[in-house]
């Protein structure tokens, strides 16, 4: 045998050994117990050896059948009801909860699109038992791995605890993706046991009924995956609203409006269900194929915005969606409360800063500030639609601006002290708006132009606040923000960029910049701007690092798609020096301070 053949044979033998050794290693790795995975996560620095039973679980029973409501009769509430149980391939309203074993918490999970994150929603009946002193984990039984469950907040109507879990890489190889089992870690004789259970497929954020709100007349659903194209909405006749209890029987009602992610339905007659039973609600697609959208929403009695002080309807409120704005909030609330805003409604988009502490401080100081936990990503317009219903009985007018936006008028330059009448003077007489005989193209929405301010040569957040720290802006106005009369909003709740469509008989008034403007401190010092733009709540730029909607006004000119400070950022967008609001807030809010400071603003800590 030649040397060449010997060498080839030798290489083949070595390669074969390496190949089979690799396969054996992969086999051993896939058989690693969940114990080791939990230890990798370091759930508890002093945790004893963790043990998870690997006994093959009993397969769960098949999903319950759903009653098809075949009927040509309707009752007074446009409900379609049938008492016969007819098998149907329709997807249940929600993934059925597995009967919990010891330590196992009944829950339902949603796979979110960003960073392989899973939202785990605890059953409303079990939520009162959730303790902040316990440790919880998500067990992915089909992949035999787990991850820490991090408390994230509480959904409302009904109250439900929510956890976040990462979706481990090893579990992503097991398709279809199964729902994790939320488990309480308990210590018993230095051993932690966590039963594994087969579960249903995870719900997907891209196709989901994620919230609902009941009015005196109908039910409003918030739905992902049906009206996917901006400006193009499907006909309401393509859908039904369905109400059901554990999938055993459902009631159908008509859909009266389908706009963006907002669907409105006739209220059902729920006397057919047991008193006090929790009833889930969803959307059924009739055309082209009959299917029920998975849901985590429940039917509830009408809910309204509460008040910290007085119960009467405020003339002017302000609503915004926020994420990590603790350091900016006090300045925004103090300023606008002094010029006429009576209540503030914050839709908290999953903040993890000190927002709650700042809100508590403001409430203790007498300001009426309410937060609504709204964790759903990129749903700003849906959140504003929700607020138009939720706050309607507590507020007459609602101002929709962001926390980095401040309304002011050049006409106030000689006003020595702020007054609540400054904003109220913009609004029509409420008696005229309520008199339908008078309402003939009555103004019900005031549109205010915006000026966009740049970093103004700042390299860090100004401790005196944004109104004092930024004074250089673009020359031309960009966009408008609105103050809207909530009773005049169209039935569809359609809104685009802080503006609502109005009912017939009402009109919008556009204010001239010489009368009123919004200072939008959009392009701040680079550390602040980078943190803000990385996690925007806008629906139009989902991820600023991807080339999606590159011409959107939410894009920053010259920034590109990478989080790198552009050259010359401190003086970007600086075309006109504008000290109008800077001088005004100094006159209204500057206070003498002991040395070494000569002064401080009213909102400084």
Protein backbone atom coordinates (compact mmCIF):
# COMPACT_ATOMS: atom_id res chain seq x y z
CA UNK A 1 0.00 0.00 0.00
CA UNK A 2 1.38 3.39 -0.97
CA UNK A 3 2.09 6.09 1.55
CA UNK A 4 -0.65 8.20 -0.01
CA UNK A 5 -3.29 5.51 0.53
CA UNK A 6 -2.11 4.95 4.11
CA UNK A 7 -2.35 8.66 4.81
CA UNK A 8 -5.86 8.82 3.29
CA UNK A 9 -7.05 5.80 5.29
CA UNK A 10 -5.62 7.23 8.50
CA UNK A 11 -7.37 10.60 7.93
CA UNK A 12 -10.66 8.82 7.22
CA UNK A 13 -10.42 6.83 10.48
CA UNK A 14 -9.58 9.96 12.51
CA UNK A 15 -12.44 11.92 10.89
CA UNK A 16 -14.91 9.10 11.59
CA UNK A 17 -13.89 8.91 15.23
CA UNK A 18 -14.28 12.68 15.61
CA UNK A 19 -17.68 12.61 13.87
CA UNK A 20 -19.16 9.89 16.09
CA UNK A 21 -17.64 11.46 19.20
CA UNK A 22 -19.39 14.73 18.30
CA UNK A 23 -22.73 12.97 17.86
CA UNK A 24 -22.34 11.26 21.23
CA UNK A 25 -21.46 14.59 22.86
CA UNK A 26 -24.59 16.22 21.41
CA UNK A 27 -26.67 13.31 22.66
CA UNK A 28 -25.30 13.73 26.17
CA UNK A 29 -25.84 17.50 26.06
CA UNK A 30 -29.50 17.11 25.08
CA UNK A 31 -29.98 14.75 27.98
CA UNK A 32 -28.64 17.21 30.55
CA UNK A 33 -31.19 17.62 33.29
CA UNK A 34 -33.00 20.85 34.03
CA UNK A 35 -31.09 20.88 37.30
CA UNK A 36 -27.90 21.95 35.55
CA UNK A 37 -29.72 24.60 33.52
CA UNK A 38 -31.18 26.17 36.63
CA UNK A 39 -27.77 26.23 38.25
CA UNK A 40 -26.41 28.03 35.17
CA UNK A 41 -28.98 30.77 35.74
CA UNK A 42 -27.87 31.07 39.38
CA UNK A 43 -31.42 31.45 40.66
CA UNK A 44 -30.24 31.60 44.22
CA UNK A 45 -26.59 31.95 45.29
CA UNK A 46 -27.04 29.50 48.15
CA UNK A 47 -29.48 27.12 46.50
CA UNK A 48 -28.97 23.44 47.26
CA UNK A 49 -28.91 20.84 44.55
CA UNK A 50 -31.99 21.27 42.38
CA UNK A 51 -33.90 18.25 41.24
CA UNK A 52 -36.61 18.01 38.61
CA UNK A 53 -38.59 14.88 38.04
CA UNK A 54 -38.06 13.40 34.60
CA UNK A 55 -40.83 10.80 34.84
CA UNK A 56 -42.75 10.83 31.53
CA UNK A 57 -45.94 12.85 32.19
CA UNK A 58 -49.41 11.72 31.28
CA UNK A 59 -50.56 13.46 28.07
CA UNK A 60 -53.22 16.14 28.72
CA UNK A 61 -56.81 15.57 27.60
CA UNK A 62 -57.81 16.93 24.18
CA UNK A 63 -59.04 20.57 24.03
CA UNK A 64 -62.74 21.02 24.82
CA UNK A 65 -65.19 21.25 21.97
CA UNK A 66 -66.72 24.62 21.20
CA UNK A 67 -70.42 25.11 20.58
CA UNK A 68 -71.24 26.41 17.12
CA UNK A 69 -74.00 28.99 17.36
CA UNK A 70 -76.13 28.19 14.32
CA UNK A 71 -79.29 30.23 14.55
CA UNK A 72 -81.37 32.57 12.42
CA UNK A 73 -82.84 34.33 15.45
CA UNK A 74 -81.35 37.19 17.40
CA UNK A 75 -82.35 38.61 20.73
CA UNK A 76 -82.57 42.30 21.59
CA UNK A 77 -78.80 42.51 22.03
CA UNK A 78 -78.02 40.94 18.63
CA UNK A 79 -76.80 37.77 20.35
CA UNK A 80 -76.78 34.48 18.51
CA UNK A 81 -77.25 31.55 20.90
CA UNK A 82 -77.77 27.81 20.58
CA UNK A 83 -78.00 25.24 23.32
CA UNK A 84 -76.88 22.22 21.28
CA UNK A 85 -73.29 21.04 21.57
CA UNK A 86 -71.90 20.62 18.07
CA UNK A 87 -68.27 19.62 17.54
CA UNK A 88 -66.23 22.31 15.85
CA UNK A 89 -62.63 22.59 14.66
CA UNK A 90 -62.59 26.23 15.75
CA UNK A 91 -59.60 27.16 17.87
CA UNK A 92 -60.58 27.72 21.54
CA UNK A 93 -60.61 31.27 22.87
CA UNK A 94 -57.44 30.61 24.79
CA UNK A 95 -55.06 27.75 25.34
CA UNK A 96 -56.77 25.58 28.03
CA UNK A 97 -54.97 25.73 31.35
CA UNK A 98 -53.44 22.45 32.45
CA UNK A 99 -54.69 21.21 35.82
CA UNK A 100 -51.93 22.41 38.16
CA UNK A 101 -49.71 19.95 40.00
CA UNK A 102 -48.09 20.92 43.32
CA UNK A 103 -45.92 24.06 42.80
CA UNK A 104 -47.32 24.50 39.27
CA UNK A 105 -49.16 27.78 38.64
CA UNK A 106 -51.99 27.95 36.06
CA UNK A 107 -50.96 30.43 33.41
CA UNK A 108 -50.89 31.20 29.69
CA UNK A 109 -47.83 32.38 27.74
CA UNK A 110 -47.22 34.68 24.78
CA UNK A 111 -44.08 34.57 22.65
CA UNK A 112 -43.04 38.18 21.98
CA UNK A 113 -41.14 39.15 18.82
CA UNK A 114 -38.18 40.93 20.45
CA UNK A 115 -35.22 39.15 22.04
CA UNK A 116 -37.02 35.80 22.40
CA UNK A 117 -39.00 36.98 25.42
CA UNK A 118 -42.06 35.19 26.82
CA UNK A 119 -44.89 36.91 28.72
CA UNK A 120 -46.49 34.55 31.25
CA UNK A 121 -49.94 35.64 32.51
CA UNK A 122 -51.13 34.02 35.72
CA UNK A 123 -54.75 32.89 36.02
CA UNK A 124 -56.88 35.61 37.69
CA UNK A 125 -58.04 33.10 40.30
CA UNK A 126 -54.44 32.29 41.30
CA UNK A 127 -53.05 35.85 41.12
CA UNK A 128 -53.91 36.69 44.78
CA UNK A 129 -51.64 33.80 45.83
CA UNK A 130 -48.56 35.18 44.04
CA UNK A 131 -46.01 36.33 46.60
CA UNK A 132 -43.08 38.72 46.01
CA UNK A 133 -41.11 36.66 48.53
CA UNK A 134 -41.16 33.48 46.43
CA UNK A 135 -38.94 32.50 43.53
CA UNK A 136 -40.61 31.44 40.29
CA UNK A 137 -39.23 29.75 37.19
CA UNK A 138 -40.47 28.89 33.72
CA UNK A 139 -39.95 25.21 32.90
CA UNK A 140 -39.85 24.29 29.21
CA UNK A 141 -40.78 20.65 29.61
CA UNK A 142 -40.39 19.58 25.99
CA UNK A 143 -36.76 20.76 26.01
CA UNK A 144 -36.04 19.95 29.67
CA UNK A 145 -34.71 23.44 30.41
CA UNK A 146 -35.86 26.38 32.52
CA UNK A 147 -35.38 30.11 33.02
CA UNK A 148 -36.04 32.58 35.84
CA UNK A 149 -39.51 34.14 35.91
CA UNK A 150 -39.20 37.88 36.53
CA UNK A 151 -42.26 39.74 37.94
CA UNK A 152 -43.22 42.45 35.45
CA UNK A 153 -46.49 43.95 36.70
CA UNK A 154 -50.20 43.30 36.88
CA UNK A 155 -52.74 43.38 34.08
CA UNK A 156 -56.14 44.82 34.91
CA UNK A 157 -59.78 43.81 34.40
CA UNK A 158 -59.43 41.24 35.90
CA UNK A 159 -56.21 41.56 37.92
CA UNK A 160 -53.57 39.11 36.66
CA UNK A 161 -49.90 38.88 37.64
CA UNK A 162 -47.49 38.91 34.73
CA UNK A 163 -43.98 37.42 34.55
CA UNK A 164 -41.28 37.60 31.91
CA UNK A 165 -39.09 34.65 30.96
CA UNK A 166 -36.38 34.31 28.37
CA UNK A 167 -36.93 31.59 25.78
CA UNK A 168 -33.76 29.45 26.06
CA UNK A 169 -31.90 28.62 22.85
CA UNK A 170 -32.23 24.91 23.45
CA UNK A 171 -36.02 25.19 23.67
CA UNK A 172 -36.12 27.06 20.35
CA UNK A 173 -34.94 23.89 18.60
CA UNK A 174 -38.11 22.09 19.72
CA UNK A 175 -40.80 23.06 17.25
CA UNK A 176 -43.68 23.75 17.77
CA UNK A 177 -42.91 26.03 20.69
CA UNK A 178 -44.72 24.82 23.79
CA UNK A 179 -45.93 26.98 26.65
CA UNK A 180 -43.62 26.93 29.66
CA UNK A 181 -44.89 25.80 33.03
CA UNK A 182 -44.74 28.57 35.61
CA UNK A 183 -43.53 26.95 38.82
CA UNK A 184 -42.91 28.12 42.36
CA UNK A 185 -39.55 27.00 43.65
CA UNK A 186 -39.95 25.49 47.11
CA UNK A 187 -37.32 24.09 49.44
CA UNK A 188 -38.04 20.83 51.26
CA UNK A 189 -35.19 18.98 52.90
CA UNK A 190 -32.68 20.81 50.70
CA UNK A 191 -34.37 19.49 47.54
CA UNK A 192 -36.35 21.55 45.06
CA UNK A 193 -38.87 19.62 43.00
CA UNK A 194 -40.54 20.95 39.89
CA UNK A 195 -42.96 18.70 38.01
CA UNK A 196 -42.90 18.76 34.24
CA UNK A 197 -46.13 18.81 32.27
CA UNK A 198 -46.94 18.73 28.58
CA UNK A 199 -48.55 21.99 27.46
CA UNK A 200 -50.20 23.60 24.47
CA UNK A 201 -48.41 25.74 21.89
CA UNK A 202 -47.41 29.24 22.94
CA UNK A 203 -49.62 32.11 21.82
CA UNK A 204 -48.03 34.50 19.33
CA UNK A 205 -48.07 38.28 19.79
CA UNK A 206 -48.63 38.75 16.06
CA UNK A 207 -52.11 37.13 16.23
CA UNK A 208 -53.84 37.83 19.53
CA UNK A 209 -56.69 39.59 21.33
CA UNK A 210 -54.64 41.26 24.04
CA UNK A 211 -57.04 43.57 25.90
CA UNK A 212 -60.68 44.58 26.21
CA UNK A 213 -62.78 47.34 27.73
CA UNK A 214 -66.54 47.43 28.23
CA UNK A 215 -68.59 50.61 27.81
CA UNK A 216 -72.20 51.27 28.72
CA UNK A 217 -73.18 50.28 25.17
CA UNK A 218 -70.62 47.84 23.76
CA UNK A 219 -67.33 45.99 24.16
CA UNK A 220 -64.02 47.24 22.73
CA UNK A 221 -61.36 44.67 21.80
CA UNK A 222 -57.69 45.30 21.00
CA UNK A 223 -56.43 42.79 18.44
CA UNK A 224 -53.13 42.06 16.70
CA UNK A 225 -52.93 40.46 13.28
CA UNK A 226 -56.21 41.40 11.53
CA UNK A 227 -55.70 44.96 10.24
CA UNK A 228 -52.02 44.70 9.40
CA UNK A 229 -51.63 47.36 6.72
CA UNK A 230 -51.62 50.99 7.78
CA UNK A 231 -54.67 52.80 6.44
CA UNK A 232 -56.37 49.60 5.22
CA UNK A 233 -59.00 48.12 7.54
CA UNK A 234 -61.11 45.02 6.98
CA UNK A 235 -64.89 45.17 6.86
CA UNK A 236 -66.64 44.53 10.22
CA UNK A 237 -68.91 41.99 8.48
CA UNK A 238 -65.90 39.67 8.14
CA UNK A 239 -65.91 39.10 11.92
CA UNK A 240 -67.97 38.15 14.94
CA UNK A 241 -67.26 38.83 18.58
CA UNK A 242 -67.51 35.70 20.66
CA UNK A 243 -67.94 35.36 24.42
CA UNK A 244 -67.38 32.03 26.11
CA UNK A 245 -66.73 30.26 29.39
CA UNK A 246 -63.95 27.66 29.21
CA UNK A 247 -64.84 26.99 25.59
CA UNK A 248 -67.97 24.96 26.46
CA UNK A 249 -70.43 27.44 24.98
CA UNK A 250 -70.07 30.72 23.16
CA UNK A 251 -72.25 33.71 22.32
CA UNK A 252 -71.71 35.65 19.12
CA UNK A 253 -72.43 39.35 18.59
CA UNK A 254 -71.93 41.67 15.65
CA UNK A 255 -68.75 43.68 15.09
CA UNK A 256 -69.74 47.31 14.52
CA UNK A 257 -66.30 48.79 13.82
CA UNK A 258 -62.90 47.55 12.62
CA UNK A 259 -60.15 50.18 12.68
CA UNK A 260 -56.43 49.61 13.24
CA UNK A 261 -56.20 47.27 16.27
CA UNK A 262 -59.57 48.38 17.70
CA UNK A 263 -62.75 46.34 17.24
CA UNK A 264 -66.12 47.27 18.71
CA UNK A 265 -68.84 44.68 19.39
CA UNK A 266 -72.42 44.65 20.60
CA UNK A 267 -72.72 43.69 24.27
CA UNK A 268 -73.87 40.11 24.88
CA UNK A 269 -76.64 38.80 27.07
CA UNK A 270 -74.60 36.77 29.54
CA UNK A 271 -77.51 35.50 31.63
CA UNK A 272 -76.95 32.09 29.99
CA UNK A 273 -73.71 31.78 31.96
CA UNK A 274 -73.47 31.18 35.66
CA UNK A 275 -73.41 34.25 37.87
CA UNK A 276 -69.88 35.35 38.67
CA UNK A 277 -68.26 33.17 36.01
CA UNK A 278 -65.27 34.61 34.15
CA UNK A 279 -66.12 34.98 30.48
CA UNK A 280 -63.40 35.26 27.86
CA UNK A 281 -63.89 37.35 24.75
CA UNK A 282 -62.33 37.13 21.30
CA UNK A 283 -62.80 37.79 17.59
CA UNK A 284 -63.95 35.14 15.17
CA UNK A 285 -62.84 35.55 11.57
CA UNK A 286 -65.70 34.46 9.30
CA UNK A 287 -64.14 35.13 5.90
CA UNK A 288 -62.29 33.68 4.10
CA UNK A 289 -61.79 30.90 6.68
CA UNK A 290 -63.61 30.53 10.00
CA UNK A 291 -61.10 30.77 12.85
CA UNK A 292 -61.05 32.24 16.34
CA UNK A 293 -58.19 34.57 17.29
CA UNK A 294 -56.44 33.36 20.48
CA UNK A 295 -57.20 35.65 23.40
CA UNK A 296 -56.02 36.68 26.85
CA UNK A 297 -58.89 39.16 27.31
CA UNK A 298 -61.92 38.85 29.58
CA UNK A 299 -65.36 40.41 29.52
CA UNK A 300 -65.85 42.84 32.40
CA UNK A 301 -68.38 45.36 33.56
CA UNK A 302 -67.66 48.97 32.50
CA UNK A 303 -64.52 50.35 34.16
CA UNK A 304 -63.69 54.03 34.56
CA UNK A 305 -60.68 56.15 35.45
CA UNK A 306 -60.54 56.84 39.16
CA UNK A 307 -59.59 60.10 40.83
CA UNK A 308 -57.20 60.94 43.63
CA UNK A 309 -59.25 63.88 44.82
CA UNK A 310 -62.54 65.04 43.36
CA UNK A 311 -65.08 62.91 41.61
CA UNK A 312 -66.51 65.50 39.22
CA UNK A 313 -65.45 65.55 35.61
CA UNK A 314 -62.28 67.53 35.02
CA UNK A 315 -62.38 70.02 32.19
CA UNK A 316 -58.84 69.26 30.94
CA UNK A 317 -56.66 66.16 31.37
CA UNK A 318 -53.42 65.02 29.74
CA UNK A 319 -52.63 61.51 28.52
CA UNK A 320 -49.37 60.03 27.34
CA UNK A 321 -47.61 56.69 26.96
CA UNK A 322 -44.38 56.47 28.92
CA UNK A 323 -41.30 54.31 29.27
CA UNK A 324 -38.60 55.14 31.84
CA UNK A 325 -39.45 58.84 32.17
CA UNK A 326 -39.01 59.11 35.94
CA UNK A 327 -36.35 61.83 35.68
CA UNK A 328 -38.53 63.96 33.35
CA UNK A 329 -42.02 63.47 34.76
CA UNK A 330 -42.07 65.95 37.64
CA UNK A 331 -41.12 68.91 35.42
CA UNK A 332 -43.82 67.97 32.89
CA UNK A 333 -46.57 67.55 35.54
CA UNK A 334 -45.71 70.68 37.55
CA UNK A 335 -45.58 72.89 34.49
CA UNK A 336 -48.79 71.71 32.83
CA UNK A 337 -50.76 71.56 36.06
CA UNK A 338 -50.04 75.25 36.60
CA UNK A 339 -51.44 76.23 33.19
CA UNK A 340 -54.68 74.22 33.35
CA UNK A 341 -54.26 70.42 33.28
CA UNK A 342 -56.20 68.89 36.19
CA UNK A 343 -55.54 65.14 35.78
CA UNK A 344 -52.67 63.17 34.24
CA UNK A 345 -53.12 59.66 32.82
CA UNK A 346 -49.92 57.70 32.16
CA UNK A 347 -50.00 54.50 30.11
CA UNK A 348 -46.92 52.75 31.48
CA UNK A 349 -45.27 50.83 28.64
CA UNK A 350 -43.31 48.45 30.94
CA UNK A 351 -41.01 50.96 32.66
CA UNK A 352 -38.25 49.61 34.89
CA UNK A 353 -36.93 52.89 36.35
CA UNK A 354 -38.20 54.83 39.40
CA UNK A 355 -41.43 55.93 37.70
CA UNK A 356 -43.65 54.50 40.45
CA UNK A 357 -41.75 56.36 43.17
CA UNK A 358 -41.99 59.67 41.28
CA UNK A 359 -45.74 59.19 40.74
CA UNK A 360 -46.23 58.44 44.43
CA UNK A 361 -44.36 61.63 45.33
CA UNK A 362 -46.51 63.70 42.98
CA UNK A 363 -49.70 62.21 44.41
CA UNK A 364 -48.55 62.99 47.95
CA UNK A 365 -47.94 66.58 46.85
CA UNK A 366 -51.54 66.84 45.68
CA UNK A 367 -51.27 66.21 41.92
CA UNK A 368 -53.85 63.91 40.32
CA UNK A 369 -51.66 61.38 38.47
CA UNK A 370 -52.85 57.89 37.50
CA UNK A 371 -50.94 55.10 35.81
CA UNK A 372 -52.37 52.27 33.72
CA UNK A 373 -50.10 49.28 33.15
CA UNK A 374 -49.97 48.88 29.37
CA UNK A 375 -47.00 46.65 28.57
CA UNK A 376 -47.97 45.80 24.98
CA UNK A 377 -45.12 46.89 22.63
CA UNK A 378 -45.63 49.31 19.74
CA UNK A 379 -49.31 49.96 20.54
CA UNK A 380 -49.37 53.70 21.16
CA UNK A 381 -52.43 54.37 18.99
CA UNK A 382 -54.33 51.47 20.60
CA UNK A 383 -53.44 52.80 24.04
CA UNK A 384 -54.79 56.23 23.16
CA UNK A 385 -58.01 54.63 21.85
CA UNK A 386 -58.27 52.79 25.16
CA UNK A 387 -57.83 56.05 27.10
CA UNK A 388 -60.59 57.77 25.12
CA UNK A 389 -63.03 55.24 26.59
CA UNK A 390 -61.41 54.67 29.97
CA UNK A 391 -61.15 58.38 30.88
CA UNK A 392 -64.32 59.61 29.20
CA UNK A 393 -66.37 59.89 32.40
CA UNK A 394 -63.56 61.63 34.29
CA UNK A 395 -62.32 64.12 31.68
CA UNK A 396 -64.09 66.42 29.22
CA UNK A 397 -61.01 67.35 27.14
CA UNK A 398 -57.86 65.28 26.78
CA UNK A 399 -54.49 66.65 25.70
CA UNK A 400 -52.34 64.05 23.92
CA UNK A 401 -48.68 65.05 24.18
CA UNK A 402 -45.50 63.25 25.25
CA UNK A 403 -43.45 63.83 28.39
CA UNK A 404 -40.74 65.60 26.36
CA UNK A 405 -43.30 68.07 24.97
CA UNK A 406 -44.40 71.34 26.60
CA UNK A 407 -47.27 73.57 25.44
CA UNK A 408 -46.72 77.31 25.63
CA UNK A 409 -47.65 80.57 23.93
CA UNK A 410 -45.49 83.56 22.90
CA UNK A 411 -48.37 85.68 24.21
CA UNK A 412 -47.48 84.59 27.75
CA UNK A 413 -44.08 86.34 27.70
CA UNK A 414 -45.37 89.14 29.94
CA UNK A 415 -47.46 86.93 32.24
CA UNK A 416 -45.91 87.19 35.70
CA UNK A 417 -47.38 83.97 37.10
CA UNK A 418 -49.03 80.86 35.63
CA UNK A 419 -52.81 80.42 35.62
CA UNK A 420 -55.13 77.49 34.89
CA UNK A 421 -57.01 79.74 32.49
CA UNK A 422 -54.05 79.83 30.07
CA UNK A 423 -54.97 76.52 28.43
CA UNK A 424 -58.70 76.66 29.21
CA UNK A 425 -58.99 79.80 27.08
CA UNK A 426 -58.29 77.62 24.02
CA UNK A 427 -61.33 75.44 24.66
CA UNK A 428 -64.91 76.20 23.56
CA UNK A 429 -67.64 76.69 26.12
CA UNK A 430 -68.64 73.18 27.34
CA UNK A 431 -72.33 74.16 27.41
CA UNK A 432 -72.20 74.85 23.68
CA UNK A 433 -70.64 71.45 22.98
CA UNK A 434 -73.34 69.59 24.90
CA UNK A 435 -76.19 71.45 23.20
CA UNK A 436 -76.77 69.42 20.03
CA UNK A 437 -78.87 72.19 18.50
CA UNK A 438 -75.85 74.49 18.81
CA UNK A 439 -73.32 72.00 17.49
CA UNK A 440 -72.97 72.97 13.89
CA UNK A 441 -69.37 72.35 12.97
CA UNK A 442 -68.43 73.07 16.58
CA UNK A 443 -64.71 72.93 17.43
CA UNK A 444 -63.97 69.69 19.30
CA UNK A 445 -60.25 69.26 18.60
CA UNK A 446 -57.51 71.87 18.90
CA UNK A 447 -54.39 71.11 16.87
CA UNK A 448 -51.14 72.72 18.08
CA UNK A 449 -47.97 72.89 15.92
CA UNK A 450 -44.63 71.53 17.21
CA UNK A 451 -41.09 72.87 17.18
CA UNK A 452 -38.33 70.24 17.44
CA UNK A 453 -35.42 71.17 19.69
CA UNK A 454 -31.90 69.79 19.30
CA UNK A 455 -29.15 68.89 21.82
CA UNK A 456 -28.28 72.62 22.18
CA UNK A 457 -24.60 71.76 22.79
CA UNK A 458 -25.50 69.61 25.78
CA UNK A 459 -23.55 66.42 26.46
CA UNK A 460 -25.57 65.22 29.47
CA UNK A 461 -29.01 65.67 30.97
CA UNK A 462 -29.47 69.22 32.37
CA UNK A 463 -30.19 69.02 36.10
CA UNK A 464 -32.45 72.07 35.85
CA UNK A 465 -34.77 70.29 33.40
CA UNK A 466 -35.31 70.19 29.67
CA UNK A 467 -37.06 73.58 29.45
CA UNK A 468 -33.96 75.22 30.89
CA UNK A 469 -31.36 73.00 29.24
CA UNK A 470 -32.37 73.02 25.56
CA UNK A 471 -32.90 76.27 23.67
CA UNK A 472 -31.88 75.66 20.06
CA UNK A 473 -34.35 74.22 17.55
CA UNK A 474 -35.20 73.67 13.93
CA UNK A 475 -36.65 76.65 12.13
CA UNK A 476 -39.74 75.02 10.66
CA UNK A 477 -42.58 73.43 12.60
CA UNK A 478 -43.14 69.68 12.32
CA UNK A 479 -46.33 67.78 13.10
CA UNK A 480 -49.12 68.81 15.45
CA UNK A 481 -50.39 67.58 18.81
CA UNK A 482 -54.01 67.79 19.90
CA UNK A 483 -56.49 68.57 22.65
CA UNK A 484 -59.72 66.68 21.91
CA UNK A 485 -63.24 66.69 23.36
CA UNK A 486 -63.73 63.01 24.29
CA UNK A 487 -67.50 62.98 23.66
CA UNK A 488 -66.84 64.04 20.06
CA UNK A 489 -64.47 61.20 19.13
CA UNK A 490 -65.75 58.97 16.33
CA UNK A 491 -67.20 55.56 17.21
CA UNK A 492 -64.21 53.85 15.53
CA UNK A 493 -61.74 55.49 17.99
CA UNK A 494 -59.42 55.95 14.99
CA UNK A 495 -56.37 58.09 15.77
CA UNK A 496 -53.11 58.82 14.02
CA UNK A 497 -50.14 60.49 15.69
CA UNK A 498 -52.00 62.12 18.60
CA UNK A 499 -55.06 63.10 16.51
CA UNK A 500 -58.53 61.55 16.53
CA UNK A 501 -61.22 61.31 13.87
CA UNK A 502 -64.33 63.22 15.04
CA UNK A 503 -68.02 62.49 14.77
CA UNK A 504 -70.03 64.32 12.15
CA UNK A 505 -70.98 67.79 13.31
CA UNK A 506 -67.61 68.56 14.90
CA UNK A 507 -64.48 70.09 13.44
CA UNK A 508 -60.79 70.62 14.16
CA UNK A 509 -59.17 73.99 14.76
CA UNK A 510 -55.50 74.48 13.88
CA UNK A 511 -53.71 77.02 16.05
CA UNK A 512 -51.11 79.37 14.59
CA UNK A 513 -47.59 79.16 16.04
CA UNK A 514 -47.87 82.81 17.01
CA UNK A 515 -50.72 81.84 19.35
CA UNK A 516 -49.56 78.48 20.71
CA UNK A 517 -46.81 75.92 20.11
CA UNK A 518 -45.45 72.67 21.53
CA UNK A 519 -41.76 72.64 22.35
CA UNK A 520 -40.73 69.08 21.54
CA UNK A 521 -37.37 68.32 23.18
CA UNK A 522 -36.87 65.43 20.83
CA UNK A 523 -33.12 65.40 20.12
CA UNK A 524 -31.52 65.62 23.55
CA UNK A 525 -27.96 65.04 24.75
CA UNK A 526 -26.67 61.84 23.16
CA UNK A 527 -26.88 59.52 26.24
CA UNK A 528 -30.54 60.49 26.75
CA UNK A 529 -31.46 60.31 23.08
CA UNK A 530 -29.79 56.94 22.59
CA UNK A 531 -31.68 55.43 25.55
CA UNK A 532 -34.97 56.92 24.40
CA UNK A 533 -34.78 55.98 20.75
CA UNK A 534 -33.60 52.46 21.42
CA UNK A 535 -36.95 51.68 23.05
CA UNK A 536 -39.61 53.86 21.42
CA UNK A 537 -43.32 53.23 21.91
CA UNK A 538 -44.16 54.45 18.40
CA UNK A 539 -45.76 51.95 16.06
CA UNK A 540 -44.08 53.30 12.93
CA UNK A 541 -40.43 52.50 13.64
CA UNK A 542 -40.44 49.07 15.25
CA UNK A 543 -36.65 48.81 15.53
CA UNK A 544 -34.43 51.74 14.65
CA UNK A 545 -31.53 49.40 13.80
CA UNK A 546 -33.50 47.86 10.91
CA UNK A 547 -34.19 49.47 7.57
CA UNK A 548 -37.95 49.56 8.05
CA UNK A 549 -39.87 52.76 7.19
CA UNK A 550 -36.60 54.65 6.53
CA UNK A 551 -38.49 57.83 5.57
CA UNK A 552 -40.72 57.93 8.64
CA UNK A 553 -40.80 61.18 10.62
CA UNK A 554 -39.88 59.04 13.62
CA UNK A 555 -36.50 58.50 12.00
CA UNK A 556 -33.65 60.84 12.90
CA UNK A 557 -31.98 62.52 9.91
CA UNK A 558 -28.34 61.49 9.63
CA UNK A 559 -28.52 58.88 12.39
CA UNK A 560 -28.57 55.77 10.21
CA UNK A 561 -29.24 52.34 11.68
CA UNK A 562 -26.53 51.90 14.31
CA UNK A 563 -26.44 53.28 17.90
CA UNK A 564 -23.32 55.34 17.30
CA UNK A 565 -23.23 59.06 18.09
CA UNK A 566 -23.15 60.97 14.80
CA UNK A 567 -20.36 63.44 14.27
CA UNK A 568 -21.28 66.88 15.58
CA UNK A 569 -24.36 65.63 17.45
CA UNK A 570 -24.30 68.33 20.21
CA UNK A 571 -25.06 71.07 17.65
CA UNK A 572 -27.30 69.10 15.30
CA UNK A 573 -30.77 70.49 14.45
CA UNK A 574 -29.71 73.90 15.82
CA UNK A 575 -31.06 76.48 13.37
CA UNK A 576 -32.79 79.02 15.65
CA UNK A 577 -32.12 79.95 19.28
CA UNK A 578 -35.45 80.09 21.09
CA UNK A 579 -35.41 81.19 24.75
CA UNK A 580 -39.16 81.83 25.03
CA UNK A 581 -40.12 78.91 27.29
CA UNK A 582 -36.72 78.94 28.99
CA UNK A 583 -37.25 82.51 30.21
CA UNK A 584 -40.90 81.84 31.07
CA UNK A 585 -40.20 78.80 33.28
CA UNK A 586 -37.33 80.65 34.96
CA UNK A 587 -39.69 83.46 35.92
CA UNK A 588 -42.41 81.06 37.10
CA UNK A 589 -40.47 78.23 38.73
CA UNK A 590 -36.95 79.38 39.75
CA UNK A 591 -36.37 79.42 43.50
CA UNK A 592 -33.46 80.70 45.56
CA UNK A 593 -31.25 77.96 46.93
CA UNK A 594 -28.46 77.82 49.54
CA UNK A 595 -24.86 77.84 48.42
CA UNK A 596 -23.15 76.52 46.41
CA UNK A 597 -26.31 76.75 44.25
CA UNK A 598 -27.76 80.18 43.66
CA UNK A 599 -31.10 78.85 42.45
CA UNK A 600 -33.03 75.68 41.74
CA UNK A 601 -36.14 74.91 39.71
CA UNK A 602 -39.31 73.77 41.49
CA UNK A 603 -39.01 70.25 40.03
CA UNK A 604 -35.36 69.69 40.95
CA UNK A 605 -34.78 66.96 43.52
